[in-house]
Amino acid sequence: MLEKAYQLLKKNYDHMVKIRRYLHQHPELSFKEFETAKYIANFCLLAKSCGKKK
């Protein structure tokens, strides 16, 4: 199970770095992360797996 998680992380590493860099380039104040919330919601819709169990 842990090995599968490592493989998934390794496979998606570049994309995760891209997301992190975008969020750090567009900071928002605490409790006022409206654009961040939109970005994550869009990411989840595109991934079609956020919050869903397979």
C-alpha atoms as a PDB file:
ATOM      1  CA  MET A   1       0.000   0.000   0.000  1.00  0.00           C
ATOM      2  CA  LEU A   2       2.753   2.432   0.939  1.00  0.00           C
ATOM      3  CA  GLU A   3       4.701   1.538  -2.191  1.00  0.00           C
ATOM      4  CA  LYS A   4       1.641   2.337  -4.314  1.00  0.00           C
ATOM      5  CA  ALA A   5       1.395   5.758  -2.630  1.00  0.00           C
ATOM      6  CA  TYR A   6       5.072   6.447  -3.351  1.00  0.00           C
ATOM      7  CA  GLN A   7       4.600   5.479  -6.996  1.00  0.00           C
ATOM      8  CA  LEU A   8       1.598   7.780  -7.305  1.00  0.00           C
ATOM      9  CA  LEU A   9       3.512  10.665  -5.711  1.00  0.00           C
ATOM     10  CA  LYS A  10       6.505  10.091  -7.969  1.00  0.00           C
ATOM     11  CA  LYS A  11       4.271   9.957 -11.047  1.00  0.00           C
ATOM     12  CA  ASN A  12       2.558  13.255 -10.160  1.00  0.00           C
ATOM     13  CA  TYR A  13       5.529  15.082  -8.628  1.00  0.00           C
ATOM     14  CA  ASP A  14       5.941  17.652 -11.422  1.00  0.00           C
ATOM     15  CA  HIS A  15       2.242  18.502 -11.379  1.00  0.00           C
ATOM     16  CA  MET A  16       2.232  18.882  -7.588  1.00  0.00           C
ATOM     17  CA  VAL A  17       5.215  21.241  -7.809  1.00  0.00           C
ATOM     18  CA  LYS A  18       3.356  23.284 -10.448  1.00  0.00           C
ATOM     19  CA  ILE A  19       0.321  23.582  -8.148  1.00  0.00           C
ATOM     20  CA  ARG A  20       2.473  24.573  -5.168  1.00  0.00           C
ATOM     21  CA  ARG A  21       4.304  27.217  -7.169  1.00  0.00           C
ATOM     22  CA  TYR A  22       1.052  28.683  -8.482  1.00  0.00           C
ATOM     23  CA  LEU A  23      -0.426  28.916  -4.977  1.00  0.00           C
ATOM     24  CA  HIS A  24       2.725  30.536  -3.598  1.00  0.00           C
ATOM     25  CA  GLN A  25       2.804  33.039  -6.463  1.00  0.00           C
ATOM     26  CA  HIS A  26      -0.807  34.043  -5.699  1.00  0.00           C
ATOM     27  CA  PRO A  27      -0.962  34.330  -1.893  1.00  0.00           C
ATOM     28  CA  GLU A  28      -4.133  35.312  -0.062  1.00  0.00           C
ATOM     29  CA  LEU A  29      -4.823  36.351   3.511  1.00  0.00           C
ATOM     30  CA  SER A  30      -6.012  33.740   5.997  1.00  0.00           C
ATOM     31  CA  PHE A  31      -9.750  33.132   5.892  1.00  0.00           C
ATOM     32  CA  LYS A  32      -9.906  35.115   2.625  1.00  0.00           C
ATOM     33  CA  GLU A  33      -8.576  32.424   0.296  1.00  0.00           C
ATOM     34  CA  PHE A  34     -11.314  32.820  -2.301  1.00  0.00           C
ATOM     35  CA  GLU A  35      -9.184  32.384  -5.410  1.00  0.00           C
ATOM     36  CA  THR A  36      -7.290  29.524  -3.776  1.00  0.00           C
ATOM     37  CA  ALA A  37     -10.599  27.780  -3.057  1.00  0.00           C
ATOM     38  CA  LYS A  38     -11.666  28.238  -6.681  1.00  0.00           C
ATOM     39  CA  TYR A  39      -8.326  26.872  -7.891  1.00  0.00           C
ATOM     40  CA  ILE A  40      -8.596  23.765  -5.706  1.00  0.00           C
ATOM     41  CA  ALA A  41     -12.269  23.212  -6.594  1.00  0.00           C
ATOM     42  CA  ASN A  42     -11.398  23.405 -10.289  1.00  0.00           C
ATOM     43  CA  PHE A  43      -8.513  20.997  -9.751  1.00  0.00           C
ATOM     44  CA  CYS A  44     -10.872  18.542  -8.044  1.00  0.00           C
ATOM     45  CA  LEU A  45     -13.419  18.782 -10.843  1.00  0.00           C
ATOM     46  CA  LEU A  46     -10.736  18.160 -13.440  1.00  0.00           C
ATOM     47  CA  ALA A  47      -9.296  15.254 -11.466  1.00  0.00           C
ATOM     48  CA  LYS A  48     -12.798  13.774 -11.064  1.00  0.00           C
ATOM     49  CA  SER A  49     -11.581  11.989  -7.976  1.00  0.00           C
ATOM     50  CA  CYS A  50     -11.315  14.508  -5.178  1.00  0.00           C
ATOM     51  CA  GLY A  51     -13.369  13.241  -2.267  1.00  0.00           C
ATOM     52  CA  LYS A  52     -14.545  10.126  -4.119  1.00  0.00           C
ATOM     53  CA  LYS A  53     -13.629   6.605  -3.142  1.00  0.00           C
ATOM     54  CA  LYS A  54     -12.859   4.137  -5.886  1.00  0.00           C
END
